[in-house]
Each structure stands twice: as C-alpha cells, then as structure tokens.
Amino acid sequence: MKITKEMMKKLPPLYNHEYEKDPMVWYKFLNTSDGMQYYVVEGEKGGDGNKKKYLFFGLVHWSRVALAFFTLSDAAIKRDPNFKPCRLSVVRKRIEKGT
C-alpha cells in the first residue's frame, strides 16, 4: 500500500482532533485477506518513532469496532476508491446498518 504525499496533506496530524466528538474520516482502507477495515481520522509519518512508516489514528472494524492507532504495512491493504470523506458518526451508522 503506497501512501502518497497528496493523501497525507489532507490528514490532520496525530492528536489534532483528540477532543473533537465527531471528527472527519478521510480515507477507508480494506485488508483484502481478512476483511479488516480502517477508517483514517489523523496520521503522520514517523508518528511511532520510525521515520519511514506512517502511523494513523481512526476507527478499526473487524470483529468489533474500536478507535485505535494503526499502521498500513500489509501488502493486502487497499484503499477504497469509492469512500467519500465524512464524519465519524456517519461511518459508525453505516457499520451498524451493515453497509
């Protein structure tokens, strides 16, 4: 999975929306091998101390739904090109409805 500079320009840095109740979700990524879904709210390069990796924060959906930090280093991860940026509350509602 290649993260582009253009993608990162849209993302707020980590902890930028720490106290916001309903932040914007900018990207959705899918792990094609296990179905895990990642909804990105914030991110930055080197956020975990590794200057070559990107660290993200957002909603992770697999067997449960949780807000978490994550990296996207698995080759099976693909960006969902049909996802349109929206508020976190909208993503949660979609997950509850199964859409």
PDB file of N, CA and C in Angstrom:
ATOM      1  N   MET A   1       0.839  -1.173   0.000  1.00  0.00           N
ATOM      2  CA  MET A   1       0.000   0.000   0.000  1.00  0.00           C
ATOM      3  C   MET A   1       0.884   1.236   0.000  1.00  0.00           C
ATOM      4  N   LYS A   2       0.737   2.058  -0.999  1.00  0.00           N
ATOM      5  CA  LYS A   2       1.522   3.279  -1.096  1.00  0.00           C
ATOM      6  C   LYS A   2       0.695   4.458  -0.597  1.00  0.00           C
ATOM      7  N   ILE A   3       1.257   5.172   0.353  1.00  0.00           N
ATOM      8  CA  ILE A   3       0.635   6.385   0.871  1.00  0.00           C
ATOM      9  C   ILE A   3       1.283   7.556   0.131  1.00  0.00           C
ATOM     10  N   THR A   4       0.486   8.389  -0.488  1.00  0.00           N
ATOM     11  CA  THR A   4       1.039   9.497  -1.267  1.00  0.00           C
ATOM     12  C   THR A   4       1.128  10.773  -0.426  1.00  0.00           C
ATOM     13  N   LYS A   5       1.961  11.686  -0.882  1.00  0.00           N
ATOM     14  CA  LYS A   5       2.090  12.984  -0.215  1.00  0.00           C
ATOM     15  C   LYS A   5       0.769  13.750  -0.267  1.00  0.00           C
ATOM     16  N   GLU A   6       0.049  13.607  -1.381  1.00  0.00           N
ATOM     17  CA  GLU A   6      -1.239  14.287  -1.522  1.00  0.00           C
ATOM     18  C   GLU A   6      -2.239  13.783  -0.485  1.00  0.00           C
ATOM     19  N   MET A   7      -2.222  12.477  -0.233  1.00  0.00           N
ATOM     20  CA  MET A   7      -3.117  11.909   0.778  1.00  0.00           C
ATOM     21  C   MET A   7      -2.772  12.459   2.160  1.00  0.00           C
ATOM     22  N   MET A   8      -1.497  12.526   2.469  1.00  0.00           N
ATOM     23  CA  MET A   8      -1.076  12.983   3.787  1.00  0.00           C
ATOM     24  C   MET A   8      -1.351  14.471   4.003  1.00  0.00           C
ATOM     25  N   LYS A   9      -1.363  15.252   2.925  1.00  0.00           N
ATOM     26  CA  LYS A   9      -1.651  16.695   3.053  1.00  0.00           C
ATOM     27  C   LYS A   9      -3.063  16.935   3.584  1.00  0.00           C
ATOM     28  N   LYS A  10      -3.996  16.041   3.261  1.00  0.00           N
ATOM     29  CA  LYS A  10      -5.384  16.181   3.714  1.00  0.00           C
ATOM     30  C   LYS A  10      -5.542  15.828   5.191  1.00  0.00           C
ATOM     31  N   LEU A  11      -4.669  14.962   5.684  1.00  0.00           N
ATOM     32  CA  LEU A  11      -4.830  14.448   7.047  1.00  0.00           C
ATOM     33  C   LEU A  11      -4.300  15.411   8.097  1.00  0.00           C
ATOM     34  N   PRO A  12      -5.062  15.612   9.153  1.00  0.00           N
ATOM     35  CA  PRO A  12      -4.522  16.361  10.277  1.00  0.00           C
ATOM     36  C   PRO A  12      -3.473  15.504  10.997  1.00  0.00           C
ATOM     37  N   PRO A  13      -2.507  16.138  11.664  1.00  0.00           N
ATOM     38  CA  PRO A  13      -1.511  15.361  12.402  1.00  0.00           C
ATOM     39  C   PRO A  13      -2.134  14.651  13.604  1.00  0.00           C
ATOM     40  N   LEU A  14      -1.420  13.681  14.121  1.00  0.00           N
ATOM     41  CA  LEU A  14      -1.895  12.937  15.282  1.00  0.00           C
ATOM     42  C   LEU A  14      -2.219  13.877  16.445  1.00  0.00           C
ATOM     43  N   TYR A  15      -3.248  13.548  17.172  1.00  0.00           N
ATOM     44  CA  TYR A  15      -3.745  14.268  18.348  1.00  0.00           C
ATOM     45  C   TYR A  15      -4.387  15.618  18.018  1.00  0.00           C
ATOM     46  N   ASN A  16      -4.520  15.942  16.753  1.00  0.00           N
ATOM     47  CA  ASN A  16      -5.109  17.217  16.361  1.00  0.00           C
ATOM     48  C   ASN A  16      -6.610  17.279  16.671  1.00  0.00           C
ATOM     49  N   HIS A  17      -7.280  16.128  16.643  1.00  0.00           N
ATOM     50  CA  HIS A  17      -8.726  16.076  16.906  1.00  0.00           C
ATOM     51  C   HIS A  17      -9.033  15.288  18.181  1.00  0.00           C
ATOM     52  N   GLU A  18      -8.091  15.289  19.073  1.00  0.00           N
ATOM     53  CA  GLU A  18      -8.207  14.483  20.289  1.00  0.00           C
ATOM     54  C   GLU A  18      -9.493  14.754  21.080  1.00  0.00           C
ATOM     55  N   TYR A  19      -9.951  15.991  21.098  1.00  0.00           N
ATOM     56  CA  TYR A  19     -11.126  16.335  21.891  1.00  0.00           C
ATOM     57  C   TYR A  19     -12.363  16.602  21.038  1.00  0.00           C
ATOM     58  N   GLU A  20     -12.262  16.378  19.765  1.00  0.00           N
ATOM     59  CA  GLU A  20     -13.413  16.583  18.885  1.00  0.00           C
ATOM     60  C   GLU A  20     -14.324  15.362  18.957  1.00  0.00           C
ATOM     61  N   LYS A  21     -15.607  15.586  19.141  1.00  0.00           N
ATOM     62  CA  LYS A  21     -16.563  14.482  19.313  1.00  0.00           C
ATOM     63  C   LYS A  21     -16.862  13.747  18.011  1.00  0.00           C
ATOM     64  N   ASP A  22     -16.862  14.454  16.911  1.00  0.00           N
ATOM     65  CA  ASP A  22     -17.248  13.845  15.639  1.00  0.00           C
ATOM     66  C   ASP A  22     -16.286  14.288  14.525  1.00  0.00           C
ATOM     67  N   PRO A  23     -15.053  13.781  14.568  1.00  0.00           N
ATOM     68  CA  PRO A  23     -14.063  14.226  13.585  1.00  0.00           C
ATOM     69  C   PRO A  23     -14.355  13.704  12.182  1.00  0.00           C
ATOM     70  N   MET A  24     -13.676  14.286  11.245  1.00  0.00           N
ATOM     71  CA  MET A  24     -13.783  13.882   9.846  1.00  0.00           C
ATOM     72  C   MET A  24     -12.991  12.594   9.622  1.00  0.00           C
ATOM     73  N   VAL A  25     -13.539  11.697   8.826  1.00  0.00           N
ATOM     74  CA  VAL A  25     -12.834  10.486   8.389  1.00  0.00           C
ATOM     75  C   VAL A  25     -12.454  10.717   6.934  1.00  0.00           C
ATOM     76  N   TRP A  26     -11.168  10.609   6.629  1.00  0.00           N
ATOM     77  CA  TRP A  26     -10.669  10.980   5.308  1.00  0.00           C
ATOM     78  C   TRP A  26     -10.525   9.820   4.341  1.00  0.00           C
ATOM     79  N   TYR A  27     -10.141   8.651   4.852  1.00  0.00           N
ATOM     80  CA  TYR A  27      -9.893   7.509   3.970  1.00  0.00           C
ATOM     81  C   TYR A  27     -10.394   6.223   4.608  1.00  0.00           C
ATOM     82  N   LYS A  28     -10.732   5.277   3.749  1.00  0.00           N
ATOM     83  CA  LYS A  28     -11.075   3.927   4.188  1.00  0.00           C
ATOM     84  C   LYS A  28     -10.124   2.971   3.480  1.00  0.00           C
ATOM     85  N   PHE A  29      -9.534   2.068   4.270  1.00  0.00           N
ATOM     86  CA  PHE A  29      -8.665   1.040   3.726  1.00  0.00           C
ATOM     87  C   PHE A  29      -9.229  -0.321   4.096  1.00  0.00           C
ATOM     88  N   LEU A  30      -9.035  -1.290   3.227  1.00  0.00           N
ATOM     89  CA  LEU A  30      -9.524  -2.650   3.439  1.00  0.00           C
ATOM     90  C   LEU A  30      -8.366  -3.628   3.375  1.00  0.00           C
ATOM     91  N   ASN A  31      -8.350  -4.573   4.288  1.00  0.00           N
ATOM     92  CA  ASN A  31      -7.394  -5.671   4.205  1.00  0.00           C
ATOM     93  C   ASN A  31      -8.100  -6.783   3.441  1.00  0.00           C
ATOM     94  N   THR A  32      -7.666  -7.023   2.228  1.00  0.00           N
ATOM     95  CA  THR A  32      -8.354  -7.991   1.360  1.00  0.00           C
ATOM     96  C   THR A  32      -8.167  -9.433   1.814  1.00  0.00           C
ATOM     97  N   SER A  33      -7.225  -9.688   2.703  1.00  0.00           N
ATOM     98  CA  SER A  33      -7.025 -11.073   3.151  1.00  0.00           C
ATOM     99  C   SER A  33      -7.916 -11.439   4.341  1.00  0.00           C
ATOM    100  N   ASP A  34      -8.268 -10.472   5.199  1.00  0.00           N
ATOM    101  CA  ASP A  34      -9.092 -10.814   6.363  1.00  0.00           C
ATOM    102  C   ASP A  34     -10.346  -9.955   6.533  1.00  0.00           C
ATOM    103  N   GLY A  35     -10.547  -8.967   5.657  1.00  0.00           N
ATOM    104  CA  GLY A  35     -11.742  -8.141   5.713  1.00  0.00           C
ATOM    105  C   GLY A  35     -11.708  -6.993   6.707  1.00  0.00           C
ATOM    106  N   MET A  36     -10.596  -6.818   7.415  1.00  0.00           N
ATOM    107  CA  MET A  36     -10.491  -5.722   8.371  1.00  0.00           C
ATOM    108  C   MET A  36     -10.592  -4.382   7.641  1.00  0.00           C
ATOM    109  N   GLN A  37     -11.293  -3.439   8.262  1.00  0.00           N
ATOM    110  CA  GLN A  37     -11.489  -2.116   7.662  1.00  0.00           C
ATOM    111  C   GLN A  37     -10.867  -1.057   8.564  1.00  0.00           C
ATOM    112  N   TYR A  38     -10.216  -0.086   7.931  1.00  0.00           N
ATOM    113  CA  TYR A  38      -9.549   1.004   8.653  1.00  0.00           C
ATOM    114  C   TYR A  38     -10.096   2.328   8.139  1.00  0.00           C
ATOM    115  N   TYR A  39     -10.591   3.163   9.039  1.00  0.00           N
ATOM    116  CA  TYR A  39     -11.110   4.478   8.689  1.00  0.00           C
ATOM    117  C   TYR A  39     -10.178   5.517   9.304  1.00  0.00           C
ATOM    118  N   VAL A  40      -9.497   6.286   8.473  1.00  0.00           N
ATOM    119  CA  VAL A  40      -8.431   7.181   8.927  1.00  0.00           C
ATOM    120  C   VAL A  40      -8.955   8.569   9.284  1.00  0.00           C
ATOM    121  N   VAL A  41      -8.655   8.994  10.515  1.00  0.00           N
ATOM    122  CA  VAL A  41      -9.016  10.320  11.001  1.00  0.00           C
ATOM    123  C   VAL A  41      -7.792  11.237  11.014  1.00  0.00           C
ATOM    124  N   GLU A  42      -6.658  10.724  11.484  1.00  0.00           N
ATOM    125  CA  GLU A  42      -5.414  11.501  11.595  1.00  0.00           C
ATOM    126  C   GLU A  42      -4.236  10.611  11.230  1.00  0.00           C
ATOM    127  N   GLY A  43      -3.118  11.236  10.915  1.00  0.00           N
ATOM    128  CA  GLY A  43      -1.927  10.448  10.651  1.00  0.00           C
ATOM    129  C   GLY A  43      -0.722  11.306  10.363  1.00  0.00           C
ATOM    130  N   GLU A  44       0.441  10.683  10.547  1.00  0.00           N
ATOM    131  CA  GLU A  44       1.683  11.379  10.220  1.00  0.00           C
ATOM    132  C   GLU A  44       2.815  10.379  10.036  1.00  0.00           C
ATOM    133  N   LYS A  45       3.781  10.796   9.274  1.00  0.00           N
ATOM    134  CA  LYS A  45       4.967   9.968   9.049  1.00  0.00           C
ATOM    135  C   LYS A  45       5.855  10.067  10.275  1.00  0.00           C
ATOM    136  N   GLY A  46       6.337   8.924  10.705  1.00  0.00           N
ATOM    137  CA  GLY A  46       7.222   8.901  11.862  1.00  0.00           C
ATOM    138  C   GLY A  46       6.504   9.045  13.178  1.00  0.00           C
ATOM    139  N   GLY A  47       5.189   8.930  13.179  1.00  0.00           N
ATOM    140  CA  GLY A  47       4.413   9.094  14.403  1.00  0.00           C
ATOM    141  C   GLY A  47       4.708   8.068  15.474  1.00  0.00           C
ATOM    142  N   ASP A  48       5.263   6.931  15.080  1.00  0.00           N
ATOM    143  CA  ASP A  48       5.613   5.896  16.054  1.00  0.00           C
ATOM    144  C   ASP A  48       7.121   5.849  16.302  1.00  0.00           C
ATOM    145  N   GLY A  49       7.832   6.889  15.884  1.00  0.00           N
ATOM    146  CA  GLY A  49       9.284   6.931  16.061  1.00  0.00           C
ATOM    147  C   GLY A  49      10.053   6.380  14.878  1.00  0.00           C
ATOM    148  N   ASN A  50       9.367   5.705  13.961  1.00  0.00           N
ATOM    149  CA  ASN A  50      10.001   5.157  12.763  1.00  0.00           C
ATOM    150  C   ASN A  50       9.774   6.155  11.628  1.00  0.00           C
ATOM    151  N   LYS A  51      10.830   6.824  11.202  1.00  0.00           N
ATOM    152  CA  LYS A  51      10.713   7.902  10.208  1.00  0.00           C
ATOM    153  C   LYS A  51      10.238   7.421   8.836  1.00  0.00           C
ATOM    154  N   LYS A  52      10.255   6.111   8.584  1.00  0.00           N
ATOM    155  CA  LYS A  52       9.840   5.587   7.284  1.00  0.00           C
ATOM    156  C   LYS A  52       8.383   5.149   7.257  1.00  0.00           C
ATOM    157  N   LYS A  53       7.781   4.971   8.407  1.00  0.00           N
ATOM    158  CA  LYS A  53       6.404   4.485   8.482  1.00  0.00           C
ATOM    159  C   LYS A  53       5.429   5.599   8.810  1.00  0.00           C
ATOM    160  N   TYR A  54       4.188   5.377   8.399  1.00  0.00           N
ATOM    161  CA  TYR A  54       3.096   6.267   8.757  1.00  0.00           C
ATOM    162  C   TYR A  54       2.323   5.629   9.901  1.00  0.00           C
ATOM    163  N   LEU A  55       1.951   6.445  10.851  1.00  0.00           N
ATOM    164  CA  LEU A  55       1.098   5.998  11.943  1.00  0.00           C
ATOM    165  C   LEU A  55      -0.220   6.741  11.815  1.00  0.00           C
ATOM    166  N   PHE A  56      -1.311   6.016  11.939  1.00  0.00           N
ATOM    167  CA  PHE A  56      -2.638   6.586  11.780  1.00  0.00           C
ATOM    168  C   PHE A  56      -3.454   6.377  13.040  1.00  0.00           C
ATOM    169  N   PHE A  57      -4.487   7.203  13.179  1.00  0.00           N
ATOM    170  CA  PHE A  57      -5.480   7.013  14.229  1.00  0.00           C
ATOM    171  C   PHE A  57      -6.845   7.075  13.568  1.00  0.00           C
ATOM    172  N   GLY A  58      -7.711   6.192  13.982  1.00  0.00           N
ATOM    173  CA  GLY A  58      -9.054   6.184  13.435  1.00  0.00           C
ATOM    174  C   GLY A  58      -9.839   5.000  13.944  1.00  0.00           C
ATOM    175  N   LEU A  59     -10.868   4.673  13.220  1.00  0.00           N
ATOM    176  CA  LEU A  59     -11.752   3.588  13.594  1.00  0.00           C
ATOM    177  C   LEU A  59     -11.327   2.311  12.880  1.00  0.00           C
ATOM    178  N   VAL A  60     -11.227   1.239  13.637  1.00  0.00           N
ATOM    179  CA  VAL A  60     -10.878  -0.074  13.083  1.00  0.00           C
ATOM    180  C   VAL A  60     -12.090  -0.978  13.262  1.00  0.00           C
ATOM    181  N   HIS A  61     -12.488  -1.647  12.175  1.00  0.00           N
ATOM    182  CA  HIS A  61     -13.667  -2.512  12.209  1.00  0.00           C
ATOM    183  C   HIS A  61     -13.280  -3.895  11.711  1.00  0.00           C
ATOM    184  N   TRP A  62     -13.461  -4.874  12.573  1.00  0.00           N
ATOM    185  CA  TRP A  62     -13.255  -6.265  12.190  1.00  0.00           C
ATOM    186  C   TRP A  62     -14.242  -7.087  12.990  1.00  0.00           C
ATOM    187  N   SER A  63     -13.832  -7.753  14.030  1.00  0.00           N
ATOM    188  CA  SER A  63     -14.794  -8.494  14.849  1.00  0.00           C
ATOM    189  C   SER A  63     -15.496  -7.553  15.827  1.00  0.00           C
ATOM    190  N   ARG A  64     -14.916  -6.376  16.046  1.00  0.00           N
ATOM    191  CA  ARG A  64     -15.534  -5.329  16.849  1.00  0.00           C
ATOM    192  C   ARG A  64     -15.114  -3.984  16.274  1.00  0.00           C
ATOM    193  N   VAL A  65     -15.678  -2.925  16.795  1.00  0.00           N
ATOM    194  CA  VAL A  65     -15.374  -1.570  16.328  1.00  0.00           C
ATOM    195  C   VAL A  65     -14.656  -0.839  17.457  1.00  0.00           C
ATOM    196  N   ALA A  66     -13.506  -0.230  17.136  1.00  0.00           N
ATOM    197  CA  ALA A  66     -12.748   0.489  18.159  1.00  0.00           C
ATOM    198  C   ALA A  66     -11.932   1.606  17.532  1.00  0.00           C
ATOM    199  N   LEU A  67     -11.721   2.666  18.302  1.00  0.00           N
ATOM    200  CA  LEU A  67     -10.792   3.707  17.901  1.00  0.00           C
ATOM    201  C   LEU A  67      -9.397   3.246  18.316  1.00  0.00           C
ATOM    202  N   ALA A  68      -8.434   3.380  17.406  1.00  0.00           N
ATOM    203  CA  ALA A  68      -7.098   2.848  17.689  1.00  0.00           C
ATOM    204  C   ALA A  68      -6.055   3.492  16.788  1.00  0.00           C
ATOM    205  N   PHE A  69      -4.796   3.344  17.194  1.00  0.00           N
ATOM    206  CA  PHE A  69      -3.664   3.691  16.338  1.00  0.00           C
ATOM    207  C   PHE A  69      -3.341   2.471  15.494  1.00  0.00           C
ATOM    208  N   PHE A  70      -2.897   2.690  14.254  1.00  0.00           N
ATOM    209  CA  PHE A  70      -2.553   1.570  13.389  1.00  0.00           C
ATOM    210  C   PHE A  70      -1.600   2.014  12.291  1.00  0.00           C
ATOM    211  N   THR A  71      -0.922   1.030  11.701  1.00  0.00           N
ATOM    212  CA  THR A  71      -0.099   1.248  10.512  1.00  0.00           C
ATOM    213  C   THR A  71      -0.736   0.452   9.377  1.00  0.00           C
ATOM    214  N   LEU A  72      -0.362   0.775   8.164  1.00  0.00           N
ATOM    215  CA  LEU A  72      -0.921   0.082   6.998  1.00  0.00           C
ATOM    216  C   LEU A  72       0.224  -0.518   6.183  1.00  0.00           C
ATOM    217  N   SER A  73       0.935  -1.457   6.777  1.00  0.00           N
ATOM    218  CA  SER A  73       2.110  -2.005   6.117  1.00  0.00           C
ATOM    219  C   SER A  73       1.853  -3.322   5.381  1.00  0.00           C
ATOM    220  N   ASP A  74       0.711  -3.917   5.571  1.00  0.00           N
ATOM    221  CA  ASP A  74       0.377  -5.185   4.926  1.00  0.00           C
ATOM    222  C   ASP A  74       0.138  -4.971   3.430  1.00  0.00           C
ATOM    223  N   ALA A  75       0.729  -5.824   2.607  1.00  0.00           N
ATOM    224  CA  ALA A  75       0.581  -5.719   1.151  1.00  0.00           C
ATOM    225  C   ALA A  75      -0.868  -5.955   0.698  1.00  0.00           C
ATOM    226  N   ALA A  76      -1.660  -6.622   1.528  1.00  0.00           N
ATOM    227  CA  ALA A  76      -3.047  -6.927   1.162  1.00  0.00           C
ATOM    228  C   ALA A  76      -3.990  -5.752   1.414  1.00  0.00           C
ATOM    229  N   ILE A  77      -3.480  -4.641   1.893  1.00  0.00           N
ATOM    230  CA  ILE A  77      -4.337  -3.487   2.205  1.00  0.00           C
ATOM    231  C   ILE A  77      -4.496  -2.607   0.974  1.00  0.00           C
ATOM    232  N   LYS A  78      -5.747  -2.307   0.685  1.00  0.00           N
ATOM    233  CA  LYS A  78      -6.097  -1.476  -0.476  1.00  0.00           C
ATOM    234  C   LYS A  78      -6.973  -0.322  -0.032  1.00  0.00           C
ATOM    235  N   ARG A  79      -6.794   0.812  -0.670  1.00  0.00           N
ATOM    236  CA  ARG A  79      -7.639   1.974  -0.396  1.00  0.00           C
ATOM    237  C   ARG A  79      -8.972   1.788  -1.108  1.00  0.00           C
ATOM    238  N   ASP A  80     -10.056   2.129  -0.438  1.00  0.00           N
ATOM    239  CA  ASP A  80     -11.383   2.063  -1.042  1.00  0.00           C
ATOM    240  C   ASP A  80     -11.570   3.336  -1.873  1.00  0.00           C
ATOM    241  N   PRO A  81     -11.536   3.236  -3.202  1.00  0.00           N
ATOM    242  CA  PRO A  81     -11.636   4.426  -4.048  1.00  0.00           C
ATOM    243  C   PRO A  81     -13.028   5.060  -4.044  1.00  0.00           C
ATOM    244  N   ASN A  82     -14.036   4.335  -3.575  1.00  0.00           N
ATOM    245  CA  ASN A  82     -15.405   4.844  -3.552  1.00  0.00           C
ATOM    246  C   ASN A  82     -15.765   5.578  -2.268  1.00  0.00           C
ATOM    247  N   PHE A  83     -14.885   5.513  -1.270  1.00  0.00           N
ATOM    248  CA  PHE A  83     -15.168   6.163   0.002  1.00  0.00           C
ATOM    249  C   PHE A  83     -15.042   7.676  -0.131  1.00  0.00           C
ATOM    250  N   LYS A  84     -16.050   8.369   0.350  1.00  0.00           N
ATOM    251  CA  LYS A  84     -16.060   9.835   0.363  1.00  0.00           C
ATOM    252  C   LYS A  84     -15.869  10.299   1.808  1.00  0.00           C
ATOM    253  N   PRO A  85     -15.022  11.292   2.045  1.00  0.00           N
ATOM    254  CA  PRO A  85     -14.824  11.783   3.410  1.00  0.00           C
ATOM    255  C   PRO A  85     -16.156  12.157   4.066  1.00  0.00           C
ATOM    256  N   CYS A  86     -16.274  11.794   5.340  1.00  0.00           N
ATOM    257  CA  CYS A  86     -17.490  12.064   6.092  1.00  0.00           C
ATOM    258  C   CYS A  86     -17.160  12.073   7.580  1.00  0.00           C
ATOM    259  N   ARG A  87     -18.125  12.399   8.381  1.00  0.00           N
ATOM    260  CA  ARG A  87     -17.934  12.426   9.830  1.00  0.00           C
ATOM    261  C   ARG A  87     -17.914  11.004  10.398  1.00  0.00           C
ATOM    262  N   LEU A  88     -17.224  10.853  11.520  1.00  0.00           N
ATOM    263  CA  LEU A  88     -17.111   9.556  12.180  1.00  0.00           C
ATOM    264  C   LEU A  88     -18.484   8.985  12.540  1.00  0.00           C
ATOM    265  N   SER A  89     -19.407   9.827  12.930  1.00  0.00           N
ATOM    266  CA  SER A  89     -20.755   9.351  13.272  1.00  0.00           C
ATOM    267  C   SER A  89     -21.441   8.693  12.077  1.00  0.00           C
ATOM    268  N   VAL A  90     -21.169   9.181  10.878  1.00  0.00           N
ATOM    269  CA  VAL A  90     -21.744   8.595   9.657  1.00  0.00           C
ATOM    270  C   VAL A  90     -21.154   7.204   9.424  1.00  0.00           C
ATOM    271  N   VAL A  91     -19.851   7.070   9.612  1.00  0.00           N
ATOM    272  CA  VAL A  91     -19.193   5.761   9.453  1.00  0.00           C
ATOM    273  C   VAL A  91     -19.767   4.768  10.454  1.00  0.00           C
ATOM    274  N   ARG A  92     -19.912   5.182  11.693  1.00  0.00           N
ATOM    275  CA  ARG A  92     -20.470   4.286  12.724  1.00  0.00           C
ATOM    276  C   ARG A  92     -21.880   3.824  12.353  1.00  0.00           C
ATOM    277  N   LYS A  93     -22.698   4.725  11.846  1.00  0.00           N
ATOM    278  CA  LYS A  93     -24.060   4.361  11.435  1.00  0.00           C
ATOM    279  C   LYS A  93     -24.041   3.369  10.281  1.00  0.00           C
ATOM    280  N   ARG A  94     -23.143   3.571   9.329  1.00  0.00           N
ATOM    281  CA  ARG A  94     -23.026   2.640   8.201  1.00  0.00           C
ATOM    282  C   ARG A  94     -22.631   1.257   8.682  1.00  0.00           C
ATOM    283  N   ILE A  95     -21.694   1.194   9.616  1.00  0.00           N
ATOM    284  CA  ILE A  95     -21.263  -0.095  10.158  1.00  0.00           C
ATOM    285  C   ILE A  95     -22.421  -0.787  10.888  1.00  0.00           C
ATOM    286  N   GLU A  96     -23.152  -0.024  11.674  1.00  0.00           N
ATOM    287  CA  GLU A  96     -24.314  -0.595  12.395  1.00  0.00           C
ATOM    288  C   GLU A  96     -25.340  -1.153  11.436  1.00  0.00           C
ATOM    289  N   LYS A  97     -25.537  -0.483  10.312  1.00  0.00           N
ATOM    290  CA  LYS A  97     -26.514  -0.936   9.307  1.00  0.00           C
ATOM    291  C   LYS A  97     -25.957  -2.045   8.429  1.00  0.00           C
ATOM    292  N   GLY A  98     -24.633  -2.239   8.460  1.00  0.00           N
ATOM    293  CA  GLY A  98     -24.014  -3.256   7.635  1.00  0.00           C
ATOM    294  C   GLY A  98     -23.813  -2.829   6.192  1.00  0.00           C
ATOM    295  N   THR A  99     -23.692  -1.518   5.957  1.00  0.00           N
ATOM    296  CA  THR A  99     -23.477  -1.027   4.587  1.00  0.00           C
ATOM    297  C   THR A  99     -22.106  -0.466   4.399  1.00  0.00           C
TER     298      THR A  99
END
